[in-house]
Amino acid sequence: KVLREFNADVVVGTGGYASFPALAAGHALKIPTCVHEANAMPGLTTRMAAAWADRVLVCFEESAKHYKHPEKVEAVGMPVRKEFIFTQKAAAREKLGLDSRPLIVSTFGSQGARMMNLAVADLLKLEQEDGLPYQHIHGVGSFGWEWFPDKLKELGVDATAFDIREYIYDMACVMRAADLVICRAGASTISELTALGVPALIVPSPYVTNNHQEKNARVLERAGGAVVLLEQDSSGQE
């Protein structure tokens, strides 16, 4: 009913399960349909819709091999905000008030990840013991914001020597200024890293469906754009 009233020319789904009814309805009404898959490996919705969708859009060229009809697959990438394209590194560093030392940025999502926050706490201790050779901005996340400062005190880390935030709101500026980003491997993050061309140490979340974050990260690793370290192998030392 909605598609008829809207008189749609095309129906585009973005791979989530909520998009499937609209894609199916569009196909039934003989409206051209298109599904965009953000991850390297197709999810259930994309696999189902790809069987009859007119076009399948993917972020990675090598993803085509995972579809039964590769002739319908086109690599178009993932949209990112213009700030990730046009922000200059020198301007970003000046805006953040950085000195000449290299900048490490670490973040593991808006909620954070306890194990990774603990590893970063140990890393900050090592940086302090080594005379603070780096500047470090760390996004703790909402779940770690209350206990992380106490953990730093327990380790004898001077939190004022680092930029510790609950959430990094100016991500385009911060990532552009960075010399190394330590992060997860969500589809948006992967696209932002590739748009910026910044070196990355990626620790994929092991708590996602079909382990899609590691599969995303491995694509970037194979292209020479990142080093992948599994969470089970992570610590402040590595």
C-alpha atoms as a PDB file:
ATOM      1  CA  LYS A   1       0.000   0.000   0.000  1.00  0.00           C
ATOM      2  CA  VAL A   2       2.778   2.424   0.903  1.00  0.00           C
ATOM      3  CA  LEU A   3       4.747   1.673  -2.256  1.00  0.00           C
ATOM      4  CA  ARG A   4       1.657   2.116  -4.446  1.00  0.00           C
ATOM      5  CA  GLU A   5       0.735   5.424  -2.783  1.00  0.00           C
ATOM      6  CA  PHE A   6       4.331   6.671  -2.941  1.00  0.00           C
ATOM      7  CA  ASN A   7       4.596   5.550  -6.552  1.00  0.00           C
ATOM      8  CA  ALA A   8       8.146   4.369  -5.958  1.00  0.00           C
ATOM      9  CA  ASP A   9      10.551   4.087  -8.881  1.00  0.00           C
ATOM     10  CA  VAL A  10      12.993   1.894  -6.990  1.00  0.00           C
ATOM     11  CA  VAL A  11      13.204   0.194  -3.580  1.00  0.00           C
ATOM     12  CA  VAL A  12      16.596   0.168  -1.850  1.00  0.00           C
ATOM     13  CA  GLY A  13      17.263  -2.003   1.213  1.00  0.00           C
ATOM     14  CA  THR A  14      20.357  -1.761   3.379  1.00  0.00           C
ATOM     15  CA  GLY A  15      20.675  -5.376   4.442  1.00  0.00           C
ATOM     16  CA  GLY A  16      18.961  -5.244   7.824  1.00  0.00           C
ATOM     17  CA  TYR A  17      15.997  -7.540   8.473  1.00  0.00           C
ATOM     18  CA  ALA A  18      13.603  -4.580   8.619  1.00  0.00           C
ATOM     19  CA  SER A  19      14.276  -3.842   4.946  1.00  0.00           C
ATOM     20  CA  PHE A  20      13.160  -7.261   3.720  1.00  0.00           C
ATOM     21  CA  PRO A  21       9.362  -6.630   3.648  1.00  0.00           C
ATOM     22  CA  ALA A  22       9.816  -3.487   1.564  1.00  0.00           C
ATOM     23  CA  LEU A  23      12.165  -5.258  -0.845  1.00  0.00           C
ATOM     24  CA  ALA A  24       9.795  -8.214  -1.168  1.00  0.00           C
ATOM     25  CA  ALA A  25       6.814  -5.930  -1.742  1.00  0.00           C
ATOM     26  CA  GLY A  26       8.726  -3.958  -4.356  1.00  0.00           C
ATOM     27  CA  HIS A  27       9.649  -7.151  -6.176  1.00  0.00           C
ATOM     28  CA  ALA A  28       6.054  -8.359  -6.083  1.00  0.00           C
ATOM     29  CA  LEU A  29       4.904  -5.056  -7.576  1.00  0.00           C
ATOM     30  CA  LYS A  30       7.596  -5.318 -10.276  1.00  0.00           C
ATOM     31  CA  ILE A  31       9.381  -2.223  -8.970  1.00  0.00           C
ATOM     32  CA  PRO A  32      13.174  -2.369  -9.468  1.00  0.00           C
ATOM     33  CA  THR A  33      14.830  -3.469  -6.230  1.00  0.00           C
ATOM     34  CA  CYS A  34      18.346  -2.987  -4.932  1.00  0.00           C
ATOM     35  CA  VAL A  35      20.011  -4.215  -1.745  1.00  0.00           C
ATOM     36  CA  HIS A  36      23.185  -2.697  -0.276  1.00  0.00           C
ATOM     37  CA  GLU A  37      25.350  -4.900   1.957  1.00  0.00           C
ATOM     38  CA  ALA A  38      27.775  -3.008   4.187  1.00  0.00           C
ATOM     39  CA  ASN A  39      29.718  -6.049   5.410  1.00  0.00           C
ATOM     40  CA  ALA A  40      32.180  -8.190   3.486  1.00  0.00           C
ATOM     41  CA  MET A  41      30.019 -11.286   3.973  1.00  0.00           C
ATOM     42  CA  PRO A  42      26.289 -11.071   3.180  1.00  0.00           C
ATOM     43  CA  GLY A  43      23.844 -11.390   6.039  1.00  0.00           C
ATOM     44  CA  LEU A  44      20.657 -13.453   5.956  1.00  0.00           C
ATOM     45  CA  THR A  45      18.466 -10.656   4.575  1.00  0.00           C
ATOM     46  CA  THR A  46      20.916  -9.865   1.791  1.00  0.00           C
ATOM     47  CA  ARG A  47      21.325 -13.535   0.852  1.00  0.00           C
ATOM     48  CA  MET A  48      17.558 -13.957   0.610  1.00  0.00           C
ATOM     49  CA  ALA A  49      16.940 -10.717  -1.283  1.00  0.00           C
ATOM     50  CA  ALA A  50      19.891 -11.211  -3.633  1.00  0.00           C
ATOM     51  CA  ALA A  51      18.117 -14.158  -5.272  1.00  0.00           C
ATOM     52  CA  TRP A  52      15.577 -11.843  -6.925  1.00  0.00           C
ATOM     53  CA  ALA A  53      16.844  -8.277  -6.431  1.00  0.00           C
ATOM     54  CA  ASP A  54      17.754  -6.451  -9.632  1.00  0.00           C
ATOM     55  CA  ARG A  55      21.041  -5.194  -8.221  1.00  0.00           C
ATOM     56  CA  VAL A  56      23.247  -6.022  -5.228  1.00  0.00           C
ATOM     57  CA  LEU A  57      25.585  -3.265  -4.058  1.00  0.00           C
ATOM     58  CA  VAL A  58      28.607  -4.177  -1.929  1.00  0.00           C
ATOM     59  CA  CYS A  59      31.496  -2.362  -0.246  1.00  0.00           C
ATOM     60  CA  PHE A  60      34.266  -4.765  -1.243  1.00  0.00           C
ATOM     61  CA  GLU A  61      34.985  -6.081  -4.737  1.00  0.00           C
ATOM     62  CA  GLU A  62      35.913  -9.502  -3.418  1.00  0.00           C
ATOM     63  CA  SER A  63      32.433  -9.865  -1.877  1.00  0.00           C
ATOM     64  CA  ALA A  64      30.989 -10.747  -5.291  1.00  0.00           C
ATOM     65  CA  LYS A  65      32.209 -14.337  -4.937  1.00  0.00           C
ATOM     66  CA  HIS A  66      29.775 -14.901  -2.061  1.00  0.00           C
ATOM     67  CA  TYR A  67      26.695 -14.416  -4.255  1.00  0.00           C
ATOM     68  CA  LYS A  68      25.024 -16.919  -6.561  1.00  0.00           C
ATOM     69  CA  HIS A  69      24.523 -14.244  -9.226  1.00  0.00           C
ATOM     70  CA  PRO A  70      27.778 -12.228  -9.258  1.00  0.00           C
ATOM     71  CA  GLU A  71      26.696 -10.533 -12.492  1.00  0.00           C
ATOM     72  CA  LYS A  72      24.185  -8.537 -10.416  1.00  0.00           C
ATOM     73  CA  VAL A  73      26.807  -7.414  -7.898  1.00  0.00           C
ATOM     74  CA  GLU A  74      28.476  -4.003  -8.083  1.00  0.00           C
ATOM     75  CA  ALA A  75      31.115  -2.637  -5.694  1.00  0.00           C
ATOM     76  CA  VAL A  76      30.168   0.914  -4.728  1.00  0.00           C
ATOM     77  CA  GLY A  77      31.704   1.287  -1.274  1.00  0.00           C
ATOM     78  CA  MET A  78      30.036   2.822   1.760  1.00  0.00           C
ATOM     79  CA  PRO A  79      29.005   6.478   2.122  1.00  0.00           C
ATOM     80  CA  VAL A  80      30.976   8.494   4.672  1.00  0.00           C
ATOM     81  CA  ARG A  81      30.530  12.038   5.891  1.00  0.00           C
ATOM     82  CA  LYS A  82      32.372  14.643   3.822  1.00  0.00           C
ATOM     83  CA  GLU A  83      34.529  15.561   6.840  1.00  0.00           C
ATOM     84  CA  PHE A  84      36.308  12.220   6.448  1.00  0.00           C
ATOM     85  CA  ILE A  85      37.272  13.211   2.906  1.00  0.00           C
ATOM     86  CA  PHE A  86      38.128  16.894   3.128  1.00  0.00           C
ATOM     87  CA  THR A  87      39.548  17.429   6.632  1.00  0.00           C
ATOM     88  CA  GLN A  88      43.289  18.090   6.462  1.00  0.00           C
ATOM     89  CA  LYS A  89      45.628  16.458   8.983  1.00  0.00           C
ATOM     90  CA  ALA A  90      47.488  19.651   9.915  1.00  0.00           C
ATOM     91  CA  ALA A  91      44.205  21.496  10.497  1.00  0.00           C
ATOM     92  CA  ALA A  92      42.839  18.604  12.565  1.00  0.00           C
ATOM     93  CA  ARG A  93      45.927  18.477  14.783  1.00  0.00           C
ATOM     94  CA  GLU A  94      45.830  22.238  15.290  1.00  0.00           C
ATOM     95  CA  LYS A  95      42.138  22.122  16.191  1.00  0.00           C
ATOM     96  CA  LEU A  96      42.840  19.450  18.804  1.00  0.00           C
ATOM     97  CA  GLY A  97      45.769  21.400  20.242  1.00  0.00           C
ATOM     98  CA  LEU A  98      48.274  18.602  19.662  1.00  0.00           C
ATOM     99  CA  ASP A  99      52.042  18.873  19.882  1.00  0.00           C
ATOM    100  CA  SER A 100      54.568  17.193  17.586  1.00  0.00           C
ATOM    101  CA  ARG A 101      54.340  13.726  19.152  1.00  0.00           C
ATOM    102  CA  PRO A 102      52.487  10.994  17.221  1.00  0.00           C
ATOM    103  CA  LEU A 103      48.812  10.535  18.112  1.00  0.00           C
ATOM    104  CA  ILE A 104      47.191   7.204  18.986  1.00  0.00           C
ATOM    105  CA  VAL A 105      43.386   7.050  18.926  1.00  0.00           C
ATOM    106  CA  SER A 106      41.606   4.077  20.489  1.00  0.00           C
ATOM    107  CA  THR A 107      37.880   3.455  20.592  1.00  0.00           C
ATOM    108  CA  PHE A 108      35.665   0.380  20.668  1.00  0.00           C
ATOM    109  CA  GLY A 109      32.168   1.714  20.057  1.00  0.00           C
ATOM    110  CA  SER A 110      29.780   4.014  21.888  1.00  0.00           C
ATOM    111  CA  GLN A 111      29.214   1.492  24.686  1.00  0.00           C
ATOM    112  CA  GLY A 112      32.816   0.405  24.897  1.00  0.00           C
ATOM    113  CA  ALA A 113      34.259  -3.051  25.555  1.00  0.00           C
ATOM    114  CA  ARG A 114      35.455  -4.036  29.018  1.00  0.00           C
ATOM    115  CA  MET A 115      38.315  -6.296  27.943  1.00  0.00           C
ATOM    116  CA  MET A 116      39.625  -3.736  25.465  1.00  0.00           C
ATOM    117  CA  ASN A 117      39.335  -0.905  27.974  1.00  0.00           C
ATOM    118  CA  LEU A 118      41.418  -2.964  30.408  1.00  0.00           C
ATOM    119  CA  ALA A 119      44.018  -3.533  27.682  1.00  0.00           C
ATOM    120  CA  VAL A 120      44.117   0.201  26.920  1.00  0.00           C
ATOM    121  CA  ALA A 121      44.546   0.984  30.638  1.00  0.00           C
ATOM    122  CA  ASP A 122      47.632  -1.241  30.656  1.00  0.00           C
ATOM    123  CA  LEU A 123      48.842   0.417  27.447  1.00  0.00           C
ATOM    124  CA  LEU A 124      48.507   3.882  28.995  1.00  0.00           C
ATOM    125  CA  LYS A 125      50.583   2.690  31.943  1.00  0.00           C
ATOM    126  CA  LEU A 126      53.318   1.497  29.586  1.00  0.00           C
ATOM    127  CA  GLU A 127      53.225   4.796  27.701  1.00  0.00           C
ATOM    128  CA  GLN A 128      53.579   6.695  30.976  1.00  0.00           C
ATOM    129  CA  GLU A 129      56.498   4.506  32.067  1.00  0.00           C
ATOM    130  CA  ASP A 130      58.149   5.141  28.696  1.00  0.00           C
ATOM    131  CA  GLY A 131      57.991   8.930  29.130  1.00  0.00           C
ATOM    132  CA  LEU A 132      54.805   9.596  27.147  1.00  0.00           C
ATOM    133  CA  PRO A 133      56.244   9.224  23.623  1.00  0.00           C
ATOM    134  CA  TYR A 134      52.727   9.442  22.190  1.00  0.00           C
ATOM    135  CA  GLN A 135      49.636  11.530  22.614  1.00  0.00           C
ATOM    136  CA  HIS A 136      46.632   9.311  23.183  1.00  0.00           C
ATOM    137  CA  ILE A 137      42.901   9.934  22.802  1.00  0.00           C
ATOM    138  CA  HIS A 138      40.771   7.097  24.143  1.00  0.00           C
ATOM    139  CA  GLY A 139      36.993   6.749  23.864  1.00  0.00           C
ATOM    140  CA  VAL A 140      35.945   4.656  26.859  1.00  0.00           C
ATOM    141  CA  GLY A 141      32.260   4.207  26.011  1.00  0.00           C
ATOM    142  CA  SER A 142      29.244   4.559  28.265  1.00  0.00           C
ATOM    143  CA  PHE A 143      29.674   1.225  30.083  1.00  0.00           C
ATOM    144  CA  GLY A 144      33.280   1.899  31.067  1.00  0.00           C
ATOM    145  CA  TRP A 145      33.059   5.585  31.866  1.00  0.00           C
ATOM    146  CA  GLU A 146      32.317   5.096  35.576  1.00  0.00           C
ATOM    147  CA  TRP A 147      34.982   2.512  36.432  1.00  0.00           C
ATOM    148  CA  PHE A 148      37.795   3.373  33.987  1.00  0.00           C
ATOM    149  CA  PRO A 149      39.196   6.357  35.976  1.00  0.00           C
ATOM    150  CA  ASP A 150      39.416   4.164  39.080  1.00  0.00           C
ATOM    151  CA  LYS A 151      41.271   1.529  37.094  1.00  0.00           C
ATOM    152  CA  LEU A 152      43.822   4.116  35.984  1.00  0.00           C
ATOM    153  CA  LYS A 153      44.324   5.227  39.602  1.00  0.00           C
ATOM    154  CA  GLU A 154      44.808   1.596  40.617  1.00  0.00           C
ATOM    155  CA  LEU A 155      47.551   1.282  38.001  1.00  0.00           C
ATOM    156  CA  GLY A 156      49.151   4.562  39.032  1.00  0.00           C
ATOM    157  CA  VAL A 157      48.361   6.230  35.709  1.00  0.00           C
ATOM    158  CA  ASP A 158      48.028  10.016  35.579  1.00  0.00           C
ATOM    159  CA  ALA A 159      44.801  10.379  33.573  1.00  0.00           C
ATOM    160  CA  THR A 160      45.494  14.065  32.934  1.00  0.00           C
ATOM    161  CA  ALA A 161      48.413  13.073  30.697  1.00  0.00           C
ATOM    162  CA  PHE A 162      45.936  11.609  28.209  1.00  0.00           C
ATOM    163  CA  ASP A 163      42.681  12.668  26.547  1.00  0.00           C
ATOM    164  CA  ILE A 164      40.134  10.249  28.021  1.00  0.00           C
ATOM    165  CA  ARG A 165      36.562  10.680  26.764  1.00  0.00           C
ATOM    166  CA  GLU A 166      33.284   8.875  27.266  1.00  0.00           C
ATOM    167  CA  TYR A 167      32.544   9.295  23.573  1.00  0.00           C
ATOM    168  CA  ILE A 168      34.470  10.828  20.658  1.00  0.00           C
ATOM    169  CA  TYR A 169      31.967  13.184  19.056  1.00  0.00           C
ATOM    170  CA  ASP A 170      34.391  14.785  16.565  1.00  0.00           C
ATOM    171  CA  MET A 171      35.495  11.456  15.096  1.00  0.00           C
ATOM    172  CA  ALA A 172      36.402  12.761  11.632  1.00  0.00           C
ATOM    173  CA  CYS A 173      38.761  15.350  13.115  1.00  0.00           C
ATOM    174  CA  VAL A 174      40.258  12.946  15.662  1.00  0.00           C
ATOM    175  CA  MET A 175      40.812  10.108  13.195  1.00  0.00           C
ATOM    176  CA  ARG A 176      42.308  12.450  10.593  1.00  0.00           C
ATOM    177  CA  ALA A 177      44.785  13.742  13.183  1.00  0.00           C
ATOM    178  CA  ALA A 178      45.761  10.220  14.233  1.00  0.00           C
ATOM    179  CA  ASP A 179      48.946   8.396  13.295  1.00  0.00           C
ATOM    180  CA  LEU A 180      47.419   5.102  14.462  1.00  0.00           C
ATOM    181  CA  VAL A 181      43.826   4.096  15.151  1.00  0.00           C
ATOM    182  CA  ILE A 182      43.020   1.105  17.369  1.00  0.00           C
ATOM    183  CA  CYS A 183      39.396   0.119  16.840  1.00  0.00           C
ATOM    184  CA  ARG A 184      36.689  -2.410  16.001  1.00  0.00           C
ATOM    185  CA  ALA A 185      35.707  -3.436  12.466  1.00  0.00           C
ATOM    186  CA  GLY A 186      32.143  -2.331  11.899  1.00  0.00           C
ATOM    187  CA  ALA A 187      31.311  -1.519   8.292  1.00  0.00           C
ATOM    188  CA  SER A 188      31.195   2.247   8.894  1.00  0.00           C
ATOM    189  CA  THR A 189      34.523   2.230  10.727  1.00  0.00           C
ATOM    190  CA  ILE A 190      36.191   0.257   7.930  1.00  0.00           C
ATOM    191  CA  SER A 191      34.883   2.756   5.372  1.00  0.00           C
ATOM    192  CA  GLU A 192      36.092   5.707   7.433  1.00  0.00           C
ATOM    193  CA  LEU A 193      39.551   4.176   7.799  1.00  0.00           C
ATOM    194  CA  THR A 194      39.839   3.602   4.060  1.00  0.00           C
ATOM    195  CA  ALA A 195      38.596   7.112   3.272  1.00  0.00           C
ATOM    196  CA  LEU A 196      41.235   8.577   5.588  1.00  0.00           C
ATOM    197  CA  GLY A 197      44.027   6.168   4.690  1.00  0.00           C
ATOM    198  CA  VAL A 198      45.138   6.101   8.327  1.00  0.00           C
ATOM    199  CA  PRO A 199      47.083   3.069   9.670  1.00  0.00           C
ATOM    200  CA  ALA A 200      44.971   0.910  11.942  1.00  0.00           C
ATOM    201  CA  LEU A 201      45.255  -1.891  14.457  1.00  0.00           C
ATOM    202  CA  ILE A 202      41.875  -3.578  14.271  1.00  0.00           C
ATOM    203  CA  VAL A 203      40.494  -5.760  17.054  1.00  0.00           C
ATOM    204  CA  PRO A 204      37.229  -7.192  15.677  1.00  0.00           C
ATOM    205  CA  SER A 205      34.359  -7.680  18.071  1.00  0.00           C
ATOM    206  CA  PRO A 206      33.860 -11.414  18.673  1.00  0.00           C
ATOM    207  CA  TYR A 207      30.266 -10.802  19.781  1.00  0.00           C
ATOM    208  CA  VAL A 208      28.613 -10.205  16.399  1.00  0.00           C
ATOM    209  CA  THR A 209      26.595 -12.402  14.057  1.00  0.00           C
ATOM    210  CA  ASN A 210      28.605 -14.683  11.758  1.00  0.00           C
ATOM    211  CA  ASN A 211      31.845 -13.079  12.968  1.00  0.00           C
ATOM    212  CA  HIS A 212      31.356 -10.424  10.279  1.00  0.00           C
ATOM    213  CA  GLN A 213      33.712  -7.903  11.907  1.00  0.00           C
ATOM    214  CA  GLU A 214      36.731 -10.143  11.519  1.00  0.00           C
ATOM    215  CA  LYS A 215      35.769 -10.790   7.900  1.00  0.00           C
ATOM    216  CA  ASN A 216      35.540  -7.027   7.321  1.00  0.00           C
ATOM    217  CA  ALA A 217      38.913  -6.485   8.967  1.00  0.00           C
ATOM    218  CA  ARG A 218      40.633  -9.234   6.991  1.00  0.00           C
ATOM    219  CA  VAL A 219      39.689  -7.509   3.729  1.00  0.00           C
ATOM    220  CA  LEU A 220      41.510  -4.372   4.858  1.00  0.00           C
ATOM    221  CA  GLU A 221      44.424  -6.422   6.183  1.00  0.00           C
ATOM    222  CA  ARG A 222      44.874  -8.259   2.890  1.00  0.00           C
ATOM    223  CA  ALA A 223      44.995  -4.897   1.121  1.00  0.00           C
ATOM    224  CA  GLY A 224      47.792  -3.747   3.441  1.00  0.00           C
ATOM    225  CA  GLY A 225      45.677  -1.136   5.208  1.00  0.00           C
ATOM    226  CA  ALA A 226      45.605  -2.616   8.698  1.00  0.00           C
ATOM    227  CA  VAL A 227      46.906  -5.210  11.126  1.00  0.00           C
ATOM    228  CA  VAL A 228      44.255  -7.462  12.683  1.00  0.00           C
ATOM    229  CA  LEU A 229      44.591  -8.669  16.265  1.00  0.00           C
ATOM    230  CA  LEU A 230      41.931 -10.893  17.799  1.00  0.00           C
ATOM    231  CA  GLU A 231      40.512  -9.813  21.153  1.00  0.00           C
ATOM    232  CA  GLN A 232      41.566 -13.103  22.778  1.00  0.00           C
ATOM    233  CA  ASP A 233      45.174 -12.262  21.871  1.00  0.00           C
ATOM    234  CA  SER A 234      45.032  -8.616  22.960  1.00  0.00           C
ATOM    235  CA  SER A 235      46.707  -7.031  25.949  1.00  0.00           C
ATOM    236  CA  GLY A 236      48.422  -3.788  26.899  1.00  0.00           C
ATOM    237  CA  GLN A 237      51.655  -5.268  25.588  1.00  0.00           C
ATOM    238  CA  GLU A 238      50.214  -6.233  22.184  1.00  0.00           C
END
